[in-house]
Protein backbone atom coordinates (compact mmCIF):
# COMPACT_ATOMS: atom_id res chain seq x y z
CA MET A 1 142.76 8.33 -15.53
CA ILE A 2 140.84 10.27 -18.18
CA TRP A 3 138.79 8.73 -20.98
CA ILE A 4 137.50 10.70 -23.98
CA LEU A 5 134.87 8.87 -26.05
CA MET A 6 134.28 9.72 -29.69
CA GLU A 7 131.69 8.21 -32.03
CA ASN A 8 131.14 5.98 -35.02
CA LYS A 9 134.37 6.19 -36.99
CA SER A 10 136.55 3.26 -38.00
CA TYR A 11 140.33 3.23 -37.72
CA PHE A 12 140.98 3.77 -41.42
CA GLN A 13 138.48 6.61 -41.60
CA VAL A 14 140.61 8.57 -39.12
CA ILE A 15 144.26 7.51 -39.27
CA GLY A 16 145.86 9.08 -42.31
CA SER A 17 142.87 11.31 -43.03
CA PRO A 18 143.57 14.96 -43.93
CA GLU A 19 140.27 15.74 -42.18
CA ALA A 20 141.80 14.78 -38.81
CA PRO A 21 145.19 16.52 -38.60
CA TYR A 22 145.23 16.87 -34.81
CA ILE A 23 144.38 13.21 -34.14
CA ASN A 24 147.11 12.13 -36.54
CA LYS A 25 149.53 14.50 -34.84
CA LEU A 26 148.71 12.83 -31.51
CA ALA A 27 149.39 9.44 -33.10
CA ARG A 28 152.91 10.63 -33.97
CA GLN A 29 153.59 12.38 -30.67
CA CYS A 30 151.95 9.95 -28.24
CA GLY A 31 150.84 6.30 -28.40
CA LEU A 32 148.57 4.53 -30.89
CA ALA A 33 146.88 1.16 -30.38
CA ALA A 34 146.77 0.12 -34.03
CA ASN A 35 144.84 -3.13 -33.47
CA TYR A 36 142.07 -2.03 -31.10
CA TRP A 37 138.47 -3.21 -31.47
CA ALA A 38 135.08 -2.13 -30.18
CA ILE A 39 132.65 -4.72 -28.80
CA ALA A 40 129.34 -4.33 -30.61
CA HIS A 41 126.87 -2.15 -32.47
CA PRO A 42 125.13 0.21 -31.72
CA SER A 43 126.64 2.70 -29.26
CA LEU A 44 125.21 1.87 -25.83
CA PRO A 45 126.44 -1.74 -25.52
CA ASN A 46 129.99 -0.44 -26.00
CA TYR A 47 129.63 2.20 -23.29
CA ILE A 48 128.23 -0.36 -20.86
CA ALA A 49 130.89 -2.94 -21.73
CA LEU A 50 133.64 -0.35 -21.35
CA THR A 51 132.49 0.61 -17.87
CA SER A 52 131.21 -2.70 -16.43
CA GLY A 53 133.08 -5.51 -18.20
CA GLY A 54 130.08 -6.73 -20.19
CA ALA A 55 127.16 -5.46 -22.22
CA GLN A 56 124.74 -6.60 -19.47
CA GLY A 57 122.21 -7.75 -22.04
CA VAL A 58 121.97 -4.32 -23.67
CA THR A 59 121.62 -4.51 -27.45
CA ASP A 60 120.05 -1.15 -28.28
CA ASP A 61 120.38 2.58 -27.53
CA ALA A 62 117.35 2.89 -25.25
CA SER A 63 117.26 5.29 -22.30
CA PRO A 64 118.08 4.54 -18.65
CA SER A 65 114.39 4.01 -17.92
CA ARG A 66 114.58 0.93 -20.19
CA HIS A 67 117.94 -0.31 -18.89
CA ARG A 68 118.13 -0.08 -15.11
CA LEU A 69 121.53 -1.61 -14.41
CA ASP A 70 122.20 -2.64 -10.82
CA VAL A 71 125.69 -4.01 -11.45
CA PRO A 72 129.23 -2.99 -10.47
CA SER A 73 130.99 -0.51 -12.74
CA ILE A 74 134.20 1.49 -12.83
CA PHE A 75 132.18 4.27 -11.22
CA SER A 76 131.10 2.20 -8.23
CA GLN A 77 134.62 0.80 -7.90
CA VAL A 78 136.07 4.22 -7.08
CA GLY A 79 133.21 5.31 -4.81
CA VAL A 80 132.71 9.04 -5.13
CA ASP A 81 136.14 9.69 -6.63
CA TRP A 82 135.01 9.96 -10.24
CA ARG A 83 133.52 12.57 -12.50
CA SER A 84 131.67 12.33 -15.81
CA LEU A 85 131.82 15.50 -17.92
CA ASN A 86 129.08 15.71 -20.56
CA GLU A 87 129.04 18.45 -23.17
CA SER A 88 125.61 20.07 -23.77
CA MET A 89 123.97 18.23 -20.84
CA ARG A 90 121.68 20.71 -19.08
CA THR A 91 121.19 19.10 -15.67
CA ASN A 92 123.31 16.73 -13.59
CA CYS A 93 122.93 13.02 -14.43
CA GLN A 94 120.32 13.86 -17.08
CA GLN A 95 118.26 10.78 -17.97
CA THR A 96 116.86 11.78 -21.37
CA ASN A 97 118.17 13.06 -24.70
CA ASP A 98 118.18 16.83 -25.11
CA ALA A 99 119.23 18.56 -28.34
CA LEU A 100 122.97 17.78 -28.74
CA TYR A 101 123.14 15.69 -25.55
CA ALA A 102 122.66 11.93 -26.03
CA VAL A 103 122.11 10.01 -22.81
CA ARG A 104 123.27 6.77 -24.51
CA HIS A 105 126.77 8.29 -24.50
CA ASN A 106 126.62 8.87 -20.73
CA PRO A 107 126.96 5.41 -19.14
CA ALA A 108 126.95 6.64 -15.54
CA ALA A 109 123.28 7.56 -15.97
CA TYR A 110 122.36 3.87 -16.45
CA TYR A 111 123.72 2.43 -13.19
CA THR A 112 120.99 2.58 -10.55
CA ASN A 113 123.35 1.68 -7.71
CA ILE A 114 125.28 4.95 -8.13
CA ARG A 115 122.29 7.21 -8.80
CA HIS A 116 122.81 9.21 -5.59
CA VAL A 117 126.45 9.83 -6.53
CA CYS A 118 125.58 10.47 -10.17
CA ALA A 119 123.51 13.47 -9.06
CA THR A 120 126.68 15.29 -8.03
CA ARG A 121 129.47 13.65 -10.06
CA ASP A 122 127.85 13.40 -13.50
CA VAL A 123 127.93 17.03 -14.60
CA PRO A 124 128.03 19.30 -17.67
CA LEU A 125 131.39 19.80 -19.38
CA THR A 126 132.59 23.37 -18.88
CA ALA A 127 135.30 25.46 -20.46
CA HIS A 128 137.59 24.56 -17.54
CA PRO A 129 137.21 20.81 -16.86
CA GLU A 130 137.62 19.61 -13.28
CA LEU A 131 140.14 16.76 -13.27
CA ASP A 132 140.81 16.12 -9.59
CA ALA A 133 138.95 12.78 -9.52
CA ARG A 134 140.76 9.45 -9.86
CA PHE A 135 138.67 8.62 -12.92
CA THR A 136 137.18 11.15 -15.38
CA PHE A 137 134.91 10.29 -18.32
CA VAL A 138 134.63 13.00 -21.00
CA THR A 139 131.68 12.90 -23.43
CA PRO A 140 131.54 15.47 -26.24
CA ASN A 141 128.13 16.35 -27.67
CA ILE A 142 126.86 14.60 -30.82
CA CYS A 143 128.46 17.19 -33.11
CA HIS A 144 131.87 17.25 -31.49
CA ASP A 145 132.13 13.47 -31.03
CA MET A 146 131.91 12.90 -34.82
CA HIS A 147 128.46 11.29 -34.57
CA SER A 148 126.63 14.00 -36.54
CA VAL A 149 127.37 16.93 -38.80
CA CYS A 150 127.28 20.22 -36.90
CA PRO A 151 125.45 23.20 -38.41
CA GLY A 152 127.83 25.06 -40.68
CA SER A 153 130.20 22.10 -41.06
CA ARG A 154 130.46 19.58 -43.88
CA SER A 155 132.86 17.21 -42.12
CA GLU A 156 132.17 15.18 -38.97
CA LEU A 157 135.87 14.31 -38.77
CA ARG A 158 137.10 17.87 -39.06
CA THR A 159 134.63 19.15 -36.46
CA GLY A 160 135.55 16.43 -33.98
CA ASP A 161 139.25 16.89 -34.67
CA ALA A 162 138.95 20.62 -33.97
CA PHE A 163 137.16 19.89 -30.69
CA LEU A 164 139.95 17.55 -29.60
CA SER A 165 142.56 20.15 -30.58
CA ARG A 166 140.93 22.46 -28.04
CA ILE A 167 140.21 20.11 -25.15
CA VAL A 168 143.25 17.81 -25.12
CA PRO A 169 145.73 20.69 -24.60
CA LYS A 170 143.61 21.83 -21.64
CA LEU A 171 143.87 18.36 -20.13
CA VAL A 172 147.61 18.14 -20.78
CA ASP A 173 148.15 21.58 -19.27
CA SER A 174 146.26 20.67 -16.09
CA PRO A 175 148.07 20.32 -12.75
CA GLU A 176 146.93 16.69 -12.60
CA TYR A 177 148.63 15.81 -15.89
CA ARG A 178 151.73 17.90 -15.24
CA SER A 179 152.18 16.07 -11.93
CA GLY A 180 153.12 12.99 -13.99
CA ARG A 181 150.35 10.82 -12.52
CA THR A 182 147.66 11.07 -15.20
CA ALA A 183 147.01 9.08 -18.38
CA ILE A 184 144.52 10.10 -21.08
CA PHE A 185 142.87 7.54 -23.35
CA LEU A 186 141.11 8.72 -26.49
CA THR A 187 138.92 6.11 -28.18
CA TRP A 188 135.82 5.61 -30.34
CA ASP A 189 132.77 3.70 -29.13
CA GLU A 190 132.35 1.77 -32.40
CA GLY A 191 133.46 1.83 -36.00
CA GLY A 192 131.49 3.13 -38.91
CA SER A 193 130.49 0.78 -41.70
CA GLY A 194 132.52 -2.39 -41.89
CA PRO A 195 134.74 -3.93 -39.19
CA ASN A 196 134.66 -2.59 -35.63
CA HIS A 197 138.34 -1.58 -35.72
CA VAL A 198 138.69 1.82 -34.00
CA VAL A 199 141.39 4.32 -33.10
CA THR A 200 142.66 4.41 -29.54
CA GLU A 201 145.41 6.82 -28.51
CA VAL A 202 147.32 6.91 -25.23
CA ILE A 203 148.57 10.23 -23.93
CA ALA A 204 150.77 10.12 -20.83
CA PRO A 205 154.13 11.53 -19.70
CA THR A 206 155.66 8.04 -19.74
CA VAL A 207 154.59 7.16 -23.31
CA VAL A 208 157.51 7.22 -25.75
CA PRO A 209 156.48 9.52 -28.63
CA GLY A 210 155.41 7.57 -31.68
CA THR A 211 154.77 4.32 -29.81
CA ARG A 212 152.54 2.06 -31.93
CA SER A 213 151.29 -1.28 -30.61
CA HIS A 214 149.90 -4.00 -32.88
CA VAL A 215 148.71 -6.19 -30.01
CA ARG A 216 144.99 -6.91 -30.33
CA PHE A 217 143.18 -4.88 -27.68
CA THR A 218 139.47 -4.28 -27.09
CA HIS A 219 137.34 -2.04 -24.90
CA TYR A 220 137.80 -4.67 -22.20
CA SER A 221 141.54 -4.05 -22.39
CA LEU A 222 140.97 -0.37 -21.69
CA LEU A 223 138.85 -1.22 -18.65
CA HIS A 224 141.45 -3.78 -17.50
CA THR A 225 144.26 -1.22 -17.83
CA THR A 226 142.29 1.46 -15.99
CA GLU A 227 141.40 -0.91 -13.14
CA GLU A 228 145.02 -2.09 -12.97
CA LEU A 229 146.35 1.47 -12.69
CA LEU A 230 143.68 2.47 -10.16
CA GLY A 231 144.30 -0.66 -8.08
CA VAL A 232 140.75 -2.02 -8.15
CA PRO A 233 139.48 -5.53 -9.07
CA TYR A 234 138.74 -6.46 -12.67
CA LEU A 235 135.11 -6.53 -13.74
CA GLY A 236 133.70 -9.22 -16.02
CA LYS A 237 135.56 -9.73 -19.29
CA ALA A 238 138.14 -7.12 -18.34
CA GLY A 239 139.71 -9.79 -16.15
CA THR A 240 140.89 -11.86 -19.12
CA ALA A 241 141.56 -9.00 -21.55
CA PRO A 242 145.19 -8.07 -22.24
CA SER A 243 146.53 -5.04 -20.43
CA MET A 244 147.75 -2.04 -22.41
CA ARG A 245 150.15 -1.02 -19.68
CA ASP A 246 153.38 -2.60 -20.94
CA ALA A 247 152.73 -1.67 -24.56
CA PHE A 248 152.65 2.04 -23.67
CA GLY A 249 154.96 2.19 -20.67
CA LEU A 250 152.24 3.12 -18.17
């Protein structure tokens, strides 16, 4: 299972936009959850809800020193068999913001009960991502995730789309994906202005090209589906969220 988390763009800002040709190509060639919703604003509550089944009282984007979360998460559920790949992070499990690295986009850094594992499994994203873990969380930097405008670029969407056009083919060409046992979920933490309706795409060998589901899903559905496929118990609100498995043939 591989998750890629993008930032702060609503569904209708992305789908159909000429600034995001690769993402729209994926929507035609893979699966699109057309009625998928984030949980809250700002960013961090969504990352915590996605990985633990609830926002755990988090309502802001403060650092791990302000939110020491000793609760179960998808990371603790799989023991040491996970990896978080963070673009522009300088040191493993980095606890503070640093240039283009935003710790609020790195949920593993907030869970105190996995801190010893985080030191070796929460690592910088490299040109050749390691995908041998059961669960992999990919975090682009704040330029490539569409959060901010990169130097030399006028379009957050186009910059993020170009990043995805480089990294997704690497993931699809990996031995893990080609084995037929890997699913990739691409989603956005929250929408931009207006409703919290966000794009979520499902890339897997079993997905019928062009599949589009209009079932209402949320971030808790993504956690539910991941836990279901990994064979671990459901956490918090993921337990009652609808699974995405049947909709996309997973």
